Amino acid sequence: MKKLEILGIDIGNTIIDGSLADKPAYPDAVRVIRRLLSERFSPERTHLISKVNEEQHARVVRWLQDNDFFAVTGLLPENLHFCPERADKAAICDRLGVTHHIDDRPEVHYHLQGIVEHRYMFRHGLNTDSPDPDFLKEREGFMERLTGVELVTSWKKVEEILLPFRLASE
């Protein structure tokens, strides 16, 4: 029997720039998330999982409300999960049975090894031929120990991977 697919998505630096200050979502994020819910994962099987402190919590909730994010994407408000540390995302993903997770942090993917089968490192606009210094520094700590993580640099790339083109006759 095929395992039920469940999607986890980080918010900061994955759906939107980490600063959240009156910024729109990354290009194609809302459209692709809406498609993921309607064509593959469903609202019940899609979760936002974000590491936040008290100040960030208020900003994230405000951004989600100001952008009518749940209504526009179809995500369920009860599928919003916050945790105080990045490593805590592993326990949340394990409890929810997450099979696919999109996150910008190598340390999150490191902690998800053995828990989440399909992991996608989201780096908006990263030039993979000449990565930024911060990305290279992170690689020194975690990236070389990661296995099974696919680098994605846009929501269009997420769409190509998770919603491959299907012929109308299929």
C-alpha atoms as a PDB file:
ATOM      1  CA  MET A   1       0.000   0.000   0.000  1.00  0.00           C
ATOM      2  CA  LYS A   2       1.302   3.448  -0.940  1.00  0.00           C
ATOM      3  CA  LYS A   3       2.262   5.690   1.977  1.00  0.00           C
ATOM      4  CA  LEU A   4       0.083   8.779   2.365  1.00  0.00           C
ATOM      5  CA  GLU A   5       2.056  11.837   1.210  1.00  0.00           C
ATOM      6  CA  ILE A   6       2.225  14.739   3.655  1.00  0.00           C
ATOM      7  CA  LEU A   7       3.923  18.060   2.902  1.00  0.00           C
ATOM      8  CA  GLY A   8       5.710  20.346   5.352  1.00  0.00           C
ATOM      9  CA  ILE A   9       6.722  23.870   4.325  1.00  0.00           C
ATOM     10  CA  ASP A  10       8.874  26.361   6.207  1.00  0.00           C
ATOM     11  CA  ILE A  11       7.796  30.025   6.075  1.00  0.00           C
ATOM     12  CA  GLY A  12      10.783  32.387   6.551  1.00  0.00           C
ATOM     13  CA  ASN A  13      13.163  32.399   3.570  1.00  0.00           C
ATOM     14  CA  THR A  14      11.028  29.720   1.929  1.00  0.00           C
ATOM     15  CA  ILE A  15       7.628  31.287   1.281  1.00  0.00           C
ATOM     16  CA  ILE A  16       8.755  34.835   2.029  1.00  0.00           C
ATOM     17  CA  ASP A  17      11.953  36.727   2.755  1.00  0.00           C
ATOM     18  CA  GLY A  18      12.855  36.128   6.392  1.00  0.00           C
ATOM     19  CA  SER A  19      12.344  39.748   7.415  1.00  0.00           C
ATOM     20  CA  LEU A  20       8.594  39.589   6.622  1.00  0.00           C
ATOM     21  CA  ALA A  21       8.358  43.378   6.706  1.00  0.00           C
ATOM     22  CA  ASP A  22       5.492  44.165   4.300  1.00  0.00           C
ATOM     23  CA  LYS A  23       6.941  41.933   1.606  1.00  0.00           C
ATOM     24  CA  PRO A  24       5.045  39.749  -0.836  1.00  0.00           C
ATOM     25  CA  ALA A  25       5.637  36.022  -1.016  1.00  0.00           C
ATOM     26  CA  TYR A  26       8.451  34.848  -3.269  1.00  0.00           C
ATOM     27  CA  PRO A  27       7.480  34.679  -6.957  1.00  0.00           C
ATOM     28  CA  ASP A  28       5.087  31.809  -7.709  1.00  0.00           C
ATOM     29  CA  ALA A  29       4.967  30.639  -4.061  1.00  0.00           C
ATOM     30  CA  VAL A  30       1.234  31.182  -3.564  1.00  0.00           C
ATOM     31  CA  ARG A  31       0.307  29.765  -6.963  1.00  0.00           C
ATOM     32  CA  VAL A  32       2.463  26.661  -6.541  1.00  0.00           C
ATOM     33  CA  ILE A  33       1.281  26.031  -2.977  1.00  0.00           C
ATOM     34  CA  ARG A  34      -2.320  26.292  -4.165  1.00  0.00           C
ATOM     35  CA  ARG A  35      -1.557  23.728  -6.912  1.00  0.00           C
ATOM     36  CA  LEU A  36       0.232  21.418  -4.482  1.00  0.00           C
ATOM     37  CA  LEU A  37      -2.872  21.382  -2.275  1.00  0.00           C
ATOM     38  CA  SER A  38      -5.334  20.868  -5.097  1.00  0.00           C
ATOM     39  CA  GLU A  39      -3.353  18.396  -7.203  1.00  0.00           C
ATOM     40  CA  ARG A  40      -1.231  16.307  -4.863  1.00  0.00           C
ATOM     41  CA  PHE A  41      -1.222  16.823  -1.098  1.00  0.00           C
ATOM     42  CA  SER A  42      -4.633  18.319  -0.103  1.00  0.00           C
ATOM     43  CA  PRO A  43      -5.208  20.993   2.574  1.00  0.00           C
ATOM     44  CA  GLU A  44      -5.450  18.346   5.304  1.00  0.00           C
ATOM     45  CA  ARG A  45      -2.044  16.899   4.385  1.00  0.00           C
ATOM     46  CA  THR A  46      -0.099  20.157   4.084  1.00  0.00           C
ATOM     47  CA  HIS A  47       1.476  21.901   7.073  1.00  0.00           C
ATOM     48  CA  LEU A  48       3.415  25.107   7.677  1.00  0.00           C
ATOM     49  CA  ILE A  49       6.237  24.386  10.136  1.00  0.00           C
ATOM     50  CA  SER A  50       8.241  27.379  11.320  1.00  0.00           C
ATOM     51  CA  LYS A  51      10.899  28.085  13.941  1.00  0.00           C
ATOM     52  CA  VAL A  52      10.065  31.410  15.572  1.00  0.00           C
ATOM     53  CA  ASN A  53      10.747  33.410  18.694  1.00  0.00           C
ATOM     54  CA  GLU A  54       8.038  35.524  20.351  1.00  0.00           C
ATOM     55  CA  GLU A  55       8.578  38.578  18.112  1.00  0.00           C
ATOM     56  CA  GLN A  56       8.764  36.489  14.939  1.00  0.00           C
ATOM     57  CA  HIS A  57       5.592  34.616  15.925  1.00  0.00           C
ATOM     58  CA  ALA A  58       3.581  37.847  15.960  1.00  0.00           C
ATOM     59  CA  ARG A  59       5.098  39.009  12.647  1.00  0.00           C
ATOM     60  CA  VAL A  60       4.409  35.692  10.904  1.00  0.00           C
ATOM     61  CA  VAL A  61       0.807  35.561  12.102  1.00  0.00           C
ATOM     62  CA  ARG A  62       0.292  39.201  11.044  1.00  0.00           C
ATOM     63  CA  TRP A  63       1.795  38.535   7.602  1.00  0.00           C
ATOM     64  CA  LEU A  64      -0.389  35.456   7.093  1.00  0.00           C
ATOM     65  CA  GLN A  65      -3.489  37.444   8.090  1.00  0.00           C
ATOM     66  CA  ASP A  66      -2.592  40.585   6.118  1.00  0.00           C
ATOM     67  CA  ASN A  67      -2.032  38.492   2.991  1.00  0.00           C
ATOM     68  CA  ASP A  68      -5.132  36.331   3.532  1.00  0.00           C
ATOM     69  CA  PHE A  69      -2.719  33.445   3.037  1.00  0.00           C
ATOM     70  CA  PHE A  70      -4.964  30.611   4.233  1.00  0.00           C
ATOM     71  CA  ALA A  71      -7.927  31.644   2.084  1.00  0.00           C
ATOM     72  CA  VAL A  72      -5.779  32.296  -0.990  1.00  0.00           C
ATOM     73  CA  THR A  73      -3.775  29.048  -0.819  1.00  0.00           C
ATOM     74  CA  GLY A  74      -6.363  26.732   0.739  1.00  0.00           C
ATOM     75  CA  LEU A  75      -4.095  25.868   3.665  1.00  0.00           C
ATOM     76  CA  LEU A  76      -5.860  25.139   6.940  1.00  0.00           C
ATOM     77  CA  PRO A  77      -5.058  27.546   9.825  1.00  0.00           C
ATOM     78  CA  GLU A  78      -4.911  24.589  12.218  1.00  0.00           C
ATOM     79  CA  ASN A  79      -2.027  23.182  10.160  1.00  0.00           C
ATOM     80  CA  LEU A  80       0.271  26.019  11.268  1.00  0.00           C
ATOM     81  CA  HIS A  81       2.958  24.774  13.668  1.00  0.00           C
ATOM     82  CA  PHE A  82       5.556  26.865  15.502  1.00  0.00           C
ATOM     83  CA  CYS A  83       8.586  25.686  17.446  1.00  0.00           C
ATOM     84  CA  PRO A  84      11.373  27.465  19.361  1.00  0.00           C
ATOM     85  CA  GLU A  85      14.342  25.632  17.801  1.00  0.00           C
ATOM     86  CA  ARG A  86      15.091  24.388  14.274  1.00  0.00           C
ATOM     87  CA  ALA A  87      15.810  20.888  15.582  1.00  0.00           C
ATOM     88  CA  ASP A  88      12.239  20.784  16.965  1.00  0.00           C
ATOM     89  CA  LYS A  89      10.901  20.585  13.408  1.00  0.00           C
ATOM     90  CA  ALA A  90      12.006  16.938  13.353  1.00  0.00           C
ATOM     91  CA  ALA A  91       9.593  15.960  16.151  1.00  0.00           C
ATOM     92  CA  ILE A  92       6.752  17.882  14.478  1.00  0.00           C
ATOM     93  CA  CYS A  93       7.422  16.222  11.107  1.00  0.00           C
ATOM     94  CA  ASP A  94       7.651  12.815  12.765  1.00  0.00           C
ATOM     95  CA  ARG A  95       4.351  13.314  14.636  1.00  0.00           C
ATOM     96  CA  LEU A  96       2.585  14.519  11.471  1.00  0.00           C
ATOM     97  CA  GLY A  97       4.085  11.822   9.242  1.00  0.00           C
ATOM     98  CA  VAL A  98       5.617  14.364   6.846  1.00  0.00           C
ATOM     99  CA  THR A  99       7.005  12.688   3.729  1.00  0.00           C
ATOM    100  CA  HIS A 100       8.087  15.855   1.827  1.00  0.00           C
ATOM    101  CA  HIS A 101       9.559  18.991   3.414  1.00  0.00           C
ATOM    102  CA  ILE A 102      10.704  22.315   1.932  1.00  0.00           C
ATOM    103  CA  ASP A 103      13.062  24.391   4.098  1.00  0.00           C
ATOM    104  CA  ASP A 104      15.938  26.820   3.615  1.00  0.00           C
ATOM    105  CA  ARG A 105      18.134  25.625   6.500  1.00  0.00           C
ATOM    106  CA  PRO A 106      20.742  22.861   6.214  1.00  0.00           C
ATOM    107  CA  GLU A 107      20.497  22.115   9.942  1.00  0.00           C
ATOM    108  CA  VAL A 108      16.762  21.444   9.612  1.00  0.00           C
ATOM    109  CA  HIS A 109      17.406  18.985   6.791  1.00  0.00           C
ATOM    110  CA  TYR A 110      20.135  17.377   8.881  1.00  0.00           C
ATOM    111  CA  HIS A 111      17.684  16.781  11.752  1.00  0.00           C
ATOM    112  CA  LEU A 112      15.033  15.480   9.314  1.00  0.00           C
ATOM    113  CA  GLN A 113      17.307  12.720   7.969  1.00  0.00           C
ATOM    114  CA  GLY A 114      15.656   9.377   8.642  1.00  0.00           C
ATOM    115  CA  ILE A 115      12.316  11.088   9.361  1.00  0.00           C
ATOM    116  CA  VAL A 116      11.343  12.830   6.109  1.00  0.00           C
ATOM    117  CA  GLU A 117      12.076  10.918   2.925  1.00  0.00           C
ATOM    118  CA  HIS A 118      11.906  13.802   0.404  1.00  0.00           C
ATOM    119  CA  ARG A 119      13.664  17.002   1.449  1.00  0.00           C
ATOM    120  CA  TYR A 120      14.107  20.165  -0.601  1.00  0.00           C
ATOM    121  CA  MET A 121      16.619  22.884   0.290  1.00  0.00           C
ATOM    122  CA  PHE A 122      14.976  26.125  -0.817  1.00  0.00           C
ATOM    123  CA  ARG A 123      17.418  28.907  -1.730  1.00  0.00           C
ATOM    124  CA  HIS A 124      15.512  31.621  -3.575  1.00  0.00           C
ATOM    125  CA  GLY A 125      17.536  32.969  -6.483  1.00  0.00           C
ATOM    126  CA  LEU A 126      20.742  31.175  -5.486  1.00  0.00           C
ATOM    127  CA  ASN A 127      23.266  31.165  -8.292  1.00  0.00           C
ATOM    128  CA  THR A 128      24.421  27.560  -8.051  1.00  0.00           C
ATOM    129  CA  ASP A 129      27.497  28.344 -10.165  1.00  0.00           C
ATOM    130  CA  SER A 130      28.641  30.975  -7.652  1.00  0.00           C
ATOM    131  CA  PRO A 131      26.830  30.545  -4.304  1.00  0.00           C
ATOM    132  CA  ASP A 132      26.712  33.355  -1.768  1.00  0.00           C
ATOM    133  CA  PRO A 133      29.252  33.289   1.125  1.00  0.00           C
ATOM    134  CA  ASP A 134      26.567  32.609   3.774  1.00  0.00           C
ATOM    135  CA  PHE A 135      25.458  29.493   1.901  1.00  0.00           C
ATOM    136  CA  LEU A 136      29.065  28.302   1.660  1.00  0.00           C
ATOM    137  CA  LYS A 137      29.567  28.878   5.406  1.00  0.00           C
ATOM    138  CA  GLU A 138      26.444  26.821   6.167  1.00  0.00           C
ATOM    139  CA  ARG A 139      27.777  24.049   3.936  1.00  0.00           C
ATOM    140  CA  GLU A 140      30.835  23.791   6.201  1.00  0.00           C
ATOM    141  CA  GLY A 141      28.593  22.972   9.165  1.00  0.00           C
ATOM    142  CA  PHE A 142      25.879  20.745   7.745  1.00  0.00           C
ATOM    143  CA  MET A 143      25.703  20.430   3.985  1.00  0.00           C
ATOM    144  CA  GLU A 144      28.520  17.933   3.586  1.00  0.00           C
ATOM    145  CA  ARG A 145      26.773  15.621   6.087  1.00  0.00           C
ATOM    146  CA  LEU A 146      23.425  15.760   4.289  1.00  0.00           C
ATOM    147  CA  THR A 147      22.178  13.046   2.012  1.00  0.00           C
ATOM    148  CA  GLY A 148      19.019  12.960  -0.038  1.00  0.00           C
ATOM    149  CA  VAL A 149      18.395  16.723  -0.121  1.00  0.00           C
ATOM    150  CA  GLU A 150      17.556  18.372  -3.424  1.00  0.00           C
ATOM    151  CA  LEU A 151      18.483  22.039  -3.906  1.00  0.00           C
ATOM    152  CA  VAL A 152      15.687  24.199  -5.356  1.00  0.00           C
ATOM    153  CA  THR A 153      16.122  27.871  -6.192  1.00  0.00           C
ATOM    154  CA  SER A 154      12.559  28.878  -7.046  1.00  0.00           C
ATOM    155  CA  TRP A 155       8.945  27.865  -6.555  1.00  0.00           C
ATOM    156  CA  LYS A 156       8.803  27.040 -10.285  1.00  0.00           C
ATOM    157  CA  LYS A 157      11.473  24.415  -9.629  1.00  0.00           C
ATOM    158  CA  VAL A 158       9.409  23.044  -6.703  1.00  0.00           C
ATOM    159  CA  GLU A 159       6.474  22.865  -9.097  1.00  0.00           C
ATOM    160  CA  GLU A 160       8.522  20.970 -11.718  1.00  0.00           C
ATOM    161  CA  ILE A 161       9.652  18.425  -9.139  1.00  0.00           C
ATOM    162  CA  LEU A 162       6.445  17.883  -7.164  1.00  0.00           C
ATOM    163  CA  LEU A 163       3.898  18.472  -9.939  1.00  0.00           C
ATOM    164  CA  PRO A 164       5.462  17.003 -13.060  1.00  0.00           C
ATOM    165  CA  PHE A 165       3.647  17.610 -16.315  1.00  0.00           C
ATOM    166  CA  ARG A 166       0.897  15.087 -16.898  1.00  0.00           C
ATOM    167  CA  LEU A 167      -0.764  14.391 -20.199  1.00  0.00           C
ATOM    168  CA  ALA A 168      -4.485  15.126 -20.306  1.00  0.00           C
ATOM    169  CA  SER A 169      -5.166  11.496 -21.266  1.00  0.00           C
ATOM    170  CA  GLU A 170      -3.486  10.123 -18.120  1.00  0.00           C
END
